[in-house]
C-alpha atoms as a PDB file:
ATOM      1  CA  ALA A   1      -8.479  22.399 -20.704  1.00  0.00           C
ATOM      2  CA  LEU A   2     -10.384  20.414 -18.140  1.00  0.00           C
ATOM      3  CA  VAL A   3     -13.982  21.451 -17.657  1.00  0.00           C
ATOM      4  CA  PRO A   4     -15.600  20.888 -14.249  1.00  0.00           C
ATOM      5  CA  ARG A   5     -17.178  17.504 -13.763  1.00  0.00           C
ATOM      6  CA  GLU A   6     -20.611  17.000 -15.235  1.00  0.00           C
ATOM      7  CA  ALA A   7     -21.233  14.212 -12.717  1.00  0.00           C
ATOM      8  CA  PRO A   8     -19.069  12.100 -10.382  1.00  0.00           C
ATOM      9  CA  GLY A   9     -16.603  10.126 -12.492  1.00  0.00           C
ATOM     10  CA  ARG A  10     -17.254  12.133 -15.661  1.00  0.00           C
ATOM     11  CA  CYS A  11     -15.291  15.057 -17.077  1.00  0.00           C
ATOM     12  CA  VAL A  12     -15.145  16.943 -20.340  1.00  0.00           C
ATOM     13  CA  VAL A  13     -11.838  17.903 -21.938  1.00  0.00           C
ATOM     14  CA  THR A  14     -11.488  20.545 -24.637  1.00  0.00           C
ATOM     15  CA  GLU A  15      -8.685  19.645 -27.011  1.00  0.00           C
ATOM     16  CA  PRO A  16      -6.390  22.386 -28.432  1.00  0.00           C
ATOM     17  CA  ALA A  17      -8.246  22.183 -31.758  1.00  0.00           C
ATOM     18  CA  GLY A  18     -11.478  23.024 -29.923  1.00  0.00           C
ATOM     19  CA  GLU A  19     -12.932  19.516 -29.984  1.00  0.00           C
ATOM     20  CA  ARG A  20     -14.573  18.254 -26.818  1.00  0.00           C
ATOM     21  CA  ALA A  21     -14.195  14.767 -25.453  1.00  0.00           C
ATOM     22  CA  THR A  22     -16.064  13.268 -22.523  1.00  0.00           C
ATOM     23  CA  PHE A  23     -14.196  10.878 -20.256  1.00  0.00           C
ATOM     24  CA  MET A  24     -15.676   8.605 -17.633  1.00  0.00           C
ATOM     25  CA  VAL A  25     -13.932   7.036 -14.657  1.00  0.00           C
ATOM     26  CA  ARG A  26     -15.416   3.731 -13.485  1.00  0.00           C
ATOM     27  CA  PRO A  27     -14.318   0.568 -11.738  1.00  0.00           C
ATOM     28  CA  ALA A  28     -12.310  -1.720 -14.015  1.00  0.00           C
ATOM     29  CA  THR A  29     -13.647  -5.102 -15.116  1.00  0.00           C
ATOM     30  CA  THR A  30     -11.939  -8.204 -16.463  1.00  0.00           C
ATOM     31  CA  ASP A  31     -12.955  -7.065 -19.960  1.00  0.00           C
ATOM     32  CA  ASP A  32     -10.510  -4.142 -19.509  1.00  0.00           C
ATOM     33  CA  ARG A  33      -7.470  -6.375 -18.905  1.00  0.00           C
ATOM     34  CA  ALA A  34      -5.807  -6.027 -22.344  1.00  0.00           C
ATOM     35  CA  ASP A  35      -6.347  -2.254 -22.389  1.00  0.00           C
ATOM     36  CA  ILE A  36      -5.004  -1.920 -18.836  1.00  0.00           C
ATOM     37  CA  GLN A  37      -1.841  -3.735 -19.872  1.00  0.00           C
ATOM     38  CA  ARG A  38      -1.490  -1.514 -22.956  1.00  0.00           C
ATOM     39  CA  VAL A  39      -1.774   1.663 -20.856  1.00  0.00           C
ATOM     40  CA  LEU A  40       0.607   0.316 -18.176  1.00  0.00           C
ATOM     41  CA  LEU A  41       3.315   0.056 -20.828  1.00  0.00           C
ATOM     42  CA  GLU A  42       3.614   3.837 -20.351  1.00  0.00           C
ATOM     43  CA  LEU A  43       4.970   3.091 -16.851  1.00  0.00           C
ATOM     44  CA  TYR A  44       6.710  -0.219 -17.549  1.00  0.00           C
ATOM     45  CA  PRO A  45       8.106  -0.229 -21.098  1.00  0.00           C
ATOM     46  CA  ASP A  46       9.952  -3.480 -20.330  1.00  0.00           C
ATOM     47  CA  GLY A  47       6.612  -5.300 -20.252  1.00  0.00           C
ATOM     48  CA  VAL A  48       3.604  -6.028 -18.095  1.00  0.00           C
ATOM     49  CA  ASP A  49       3.006  -9.711 -18.762  1.00  0.00           C
ATOM     50  CA  GLY A  50       2.675 -10.634 -15.079  1.00  0.00           C
ATOM     51  CA  VAL A  51       0.246  -7.861 -14.193  1.00  0.00           C
ATOM     52  CA  THR A  52      -3.055  -9.267 -12.983  1.00  0.00           C
ATOM     53  CA  LEU A  53      -5.076  -6.032 -12.994  1.00  0.00           C
ATOM     54  CA  PRO A  54      -7.928  -5.466 -12.577  1.00  0.00           C
ATOM     55  CA  HIS A  55      -7.585  -8.335 -10.114  1.00  0.00           C
ATOM     56  CA  ILE A  56      -5.623  -7.390  -7.022  1.00  0.00           C
ATOM     57  CA  ARG A  57      -4.807  -9.686  -4.165  1.00  0.00           C
ATOM     58  CA  GLN A  58      -5.078  -7.694  -0.971  1.00  0.00           C
ATOM     59  CA  GLU A  59      -4.689  -9.383   2.356  1.00  0.00           C
ATOM     60  CA  ALA A  60      -4.222  -8.326   5.939  1.00  0.00           C
ATOM     61  CA  GLN A  61      -3.217 -10.199   9.040  1.00  0.00           C
ATOM     62  CA  THR A  62      -3.508  -9.016  12.615  1.00  0.00           C
ATOM     63  CA  PHE A  63      -1.264 -10.528  15.281  1.00  0.00           C
ATOM     64  CA  VAL A  64      -1.651 -10.131  19.028  1.00  0.00           C
ATOM     65  CA  ALA A  65       0.709 -10.775  21.910  1.00  0.00           C
ATOM     66  CA  THR A  66      -0.940 -11.993  25.076  1.00  0.00           C
ATOM     67  CA  ASN A  67       0.000 -12.350  28.697  1.00  0.00           C
ATOM     68  CA  GLY A  68      -2.333 -15.056  29.913  1.00  0.00           C
ATOM     69  CA  ASP A  69      -5.671 -14.085  28.436  1.00  0.00           C
ATOM     70  CA  GLN A  70      -4.900 -10.366  28.186  1.00  0.00           C
ATOM     71  CA  VAL A  71      -3.767  -8.762  24.929  1.00  0.00           C
ATOM     72  CA  VAL A  72      -0.660  -6.640  25.549  1.00  0.00           C
ATOM     73  CA  GLY A  73       0.396  -5.923  21.951  1.00  0.00           C
ATOM     74  CA  VAL A  74      -0.993  -5.799  18.436  1.00  0.00           C
ATOM     75  CA  ALA A  75       0.442  -5.635  14.935  1.00  0.00           C
ATOM     76  CA  VAL A  76      -1.265  -5.337  11.550  1.00  0.00           C
ATOM     77  CA  ALA A  77       0.416  -6.295   8.279  1.00  0.00           C
ATOM     78  CA  THR A  78      -1.042  -5.780   4.805  1.00  0.00           C
ATOM     79  CA  LEU A  79      -0.095  -7.173   1.411  1.00  0.00           C
ATOM     80  CA  VAL A  80      -0.884  -5.816  -2.055  1.00  0.00           C
ATOM     81  CA  ASP A  81      -0.145  -7.923  -5.142  1.00  0.00           C
ATOM     82  CA  TYR A  82      -1.281  -7.263  -8.694  1.00  0.00           C
ATOM     83  CA  GLY A  83       1.356  -9.376 -10.386  1.00  0.00           C
ATOM     84  CA  ARG A  84       4.198  -6.862 -10.292  1.00  0.00           C
ATOM     85  CA  GLU A  85       6.403  -6.376  -7.242  1.00  0.00           C
ATOM     86  CA  ALA A  86       4.074  -7.445  -4.436  1.00  0.00           C
ATOM     87  CA  TYR A  87       4.629  -5.320  -1.367  1.00  0.00           C
ATOM     88  CA  GLY A  88       3.711  -5.348   2.267  1.00  0.00           C
ATOM     89  CA  SER A  89       3.272  -2.751   4.958  1.00  0.00           C
ATOM     90  CA  ILE A  90       3.388  -2.809   8.707  1.00  0.00           C
ATOM     91  CA  GLU A  91       0.311  -0.695   9.374  1.00  0.00           C
ATOM     92  CA  GLU A  92       0.270  -0.794  13.154  1.00  0.00           C
ATOM     93  CA  LEU A  93       2.575  -2.176  15.823  1.00  0.00           C
ATOM     94  CA  VAL A  94       2.130  -1.267  19.460  1.00  0.00           C
ATOM     95  CA  VAL A  95       2.849  -2.838  22.815  1.00  0.00           C
ATOM     96  CA  GLU A  96       1.251  -1.404  25.922  1.00  0.00           C
ATOM     97  CA  SER A  97       3.759   0.680  27.856  1.00  0.00           C
ATOM     98  CA  ARG A  98       4.011  -1.575  30.930  1.00  0.00           C
ATOM     99  CA  SER A  99       4.897  -4.581  28.719  1.00  0.00           C
ATOM    100  CA  ARG A 100       7.628  -2.926  26.655  1.00  0.00           C
ATOM    101  CA  GLY A 101      11.272  -3.906  26.836  1.00  0.00           C
ATOM    102  CA  HIS A 102      10.713  -7.669  26.809  1.00  0.00           C
ATOM    103  CA  GLY A 103      10.986  -8.358  23.055  1.00  0.00           C
ATOM    104  CA  ILE A 104       7.227  -8.449  22.446  1.00  0.00           C
ATOM    105  CA  GLY A 105       7.355  -5.785  19.726  1.00  0.00           C
ATOM    106  CA  ARG A 106      10.174  -7.603  17.958  1.00  0.00           C
ATOM    107  CA  GLU A 107       8.255 -10.896  18.094  1.00  0.00           C
ATOM    108  CA  LEU A 108       5.153  -9.197  16.676  1.00  0.00           C
ATOM    109  CA  LEU A 109       7.273  -7.659  13.911  1.00  0.00           C
ATOM    110  CA  ASP A 110       8.934 -10.995  13.160  1.00  0.00           C
ATOM    111  CA  GLN A 111       5.526 -12.673  12.825  1.00  0.00           C
ATOM    112  CA  CYS A 112       4.386  -9.939  10.437  1.00  0.00           C
ATOM    113  CA  LEU A 113       7.537 -10.267   8.331  1.00  0.00           C
ATOM    114  CA  GLN A 114       7.285 -14.061   8.195  1.00  0.00           C
ATOM    115  CA  TRP A 115       3.658 -13.827   7.079  1.00  0.00           C
ATOM    116  CA  LEU A 116       4.463 -11.183   4.452  1.00  0.00           C
ATOM    117  CA  GLN A 117       7.411 -13.136   3.080  1.00  0.00           C
ATOM    118  CA  ALA A 118       5.363 -16.351   2.896  1.00  0.00           C
ATOM    119  CA  SER A 119       2.613 -14.360   1.133  1.00  0.00           C
ATOM    120  CA  GLY A 120       5.029 -13.205  -1.573  1.00  0.00           C
ATOM    121  CA  ALA A 121       5.984  -9.677  -0.540  1.00  0.00           C
ATOM    122  CA  GLU A 122       9.123  -8.521  -2.329  1.00  0.00           C
ATOM    123  CA  VAL A 123       9.538  -5.466  -0.104  1.00  0.00           C
ATOM    124  CA  VAL A 124       7.961  -4.286   3.150  1.00  0.00           C
ATOM    125  CA  PHE A 125       7.386  -0.661   4.112  1.00  0.00           C
ATOM    126  CA  VAL A 126       6.784   0.962   7.467  1.00  0.00           C
ATOM    127  CA  SER A 127       6.347   4.545   8.540  1.00  0.00           C
ATOM    128  CA  ALA A 128       8.380   5.669  11.554  1.00  0.00           C
ATOM    129  CA  LEU A 129       7.819   9.255  12.583  1.00  0.00           C
ATOM    130  CA  ASP A 130      10.138   9.174  15.569  1.00  0.00           C
ATOM    131  CA  ASP A 131      13.848   8.331  15.795  1.00  0.00           C
ATOM    132  CA  ASP A 132      13.381   5.672  18.505  1.00  0.00           C
ATOM    133  CA  VAL A 133      10.754   3.905  16.416  1.00  0.00           C
ATOM    134  CA  ALA A 134      12.969   4.139  13.324  1.00  0.00           C
ATOM    135  CA  ALA A 135      15.871   2.640  15.314  1.00  0.00           C
ATOM    136  CA  PHE A 136      13.629  -0.272  16.366  1.00  0.00           C
ATOM    137  CA  TYR A 137      12.798  -1.069  12.730  1.00  0.00           C
ATOM    138  CA  GLN A 138      16.405  -0.556  11.609  1.00  0.00           C
ATOM    139  CA  SER A 139      17.545  -3.067  14.234  1.00  0.00           C
ATOM    140  CA  ALA A 140      15.269  -5.569  12.486  1.00  0.00           C
ATOM    141  CA  GLY A 141      16.860  -4.923   9.075  1.00  0.00           C
ATOM    142  CA  PHE A 142      14.742  -2.063   7.728  1.00  0.00           C
ATOM    143  CA  ALA A 143      16.626   0.694   5.914  1.00  0.00           C
ATOM    144  CA  ARG A 144      15.658   4.330   5.529  1.00  0.00           C
ATOM    145  CA  CYS A 145      14.366   5.028   2.079  1.00  0.00           C
ATOM    146  CA  THR A 146      13.615   8.146   0.182  1.00  0.00           C
ATOM    147  CA  GLY A 147      11.603   8.536  -2.892  1.00  0.00           C
ATOM    148  CA  PRO A 148       8.550   9.947  -4.477  1.00  0.00           C
ATOM    149  CA  TRP A 149       6.197   9.278  -1.580  1.00  0.00           C
ATOM    150  CA  LEU A 150       3.355  11.738  -1.117  1.00  0.00           C
ATOM    151  CA  SER A 151       0.376  11.573   1.206  1.00  0.00           C
ATOM    152  CA  TRP A 152      -3.257  12.582   0.947  1.00  0.00           C
ATOM    153  CA  VAL A 153      -5.382  13.413   3.925  1.00  0.00           C
ATOM    154  CA  PRO A 154      -9.158  13.825   3.503  1.00  0.00           C
ATOM    155  CA  ASN A 155     -10.450  17.306   4.283  1.00  0.00           C
ATOM    156  CA  ARG A 156      -6.961  18.841   4.384  1.00  0.00           C
ATOM    157  CA  PRO A 157      -7.011  22.238   2.662  1.00  0.00           C
ATOM    158  CA  THR A 158      -5.332  22.188  -0.736  1.00  0.00           C
END
C-alpha cells in the first residue's frame, strides 16, 4: 500500500509482509545510465542498446510566413530523441484568416516536415480537433491513428 508522500519526490510503500520501503524520485544522472537501461528492458525486451537516457535531445524550430515585413503565419515543430524512435510533433500551425487559401499553411507544414526529417524524426504527430484541419493534414500524407494516448491537464479535477 502506498503511504502519502513524506516530502515531494519521496514515498513510503508497505510491502505485503509488512516491511516498509522508502522510495525517492529525483532527476536522473549519467551515473544512472546502466540501471535505466536495465529497467527499460521491462518495456523493450528486444533490447535498449541505442537508448541514450538520461540524455535526451529535444529541439524546436519555429517557422514564419511573411508578406513583406509582416508575419502572416507561424508553425512550431518539436523533436524528441533519446536513442529509440525519435519523433516529432507539429505543435502549432496557423495562418491569419485573410491570408488563408494561398498555400501558406502547406508551405509552413512542408518546412516543419523537412526540418523534422533532417533532424531524424521517424514519425511525426499532430493533433487535429476539427475535420477540416484533419483533412488538411491528411492531404499532406498524415494518417489518422488510434492508440493509447491520454492527456493530462493541470488543475483538472480527477
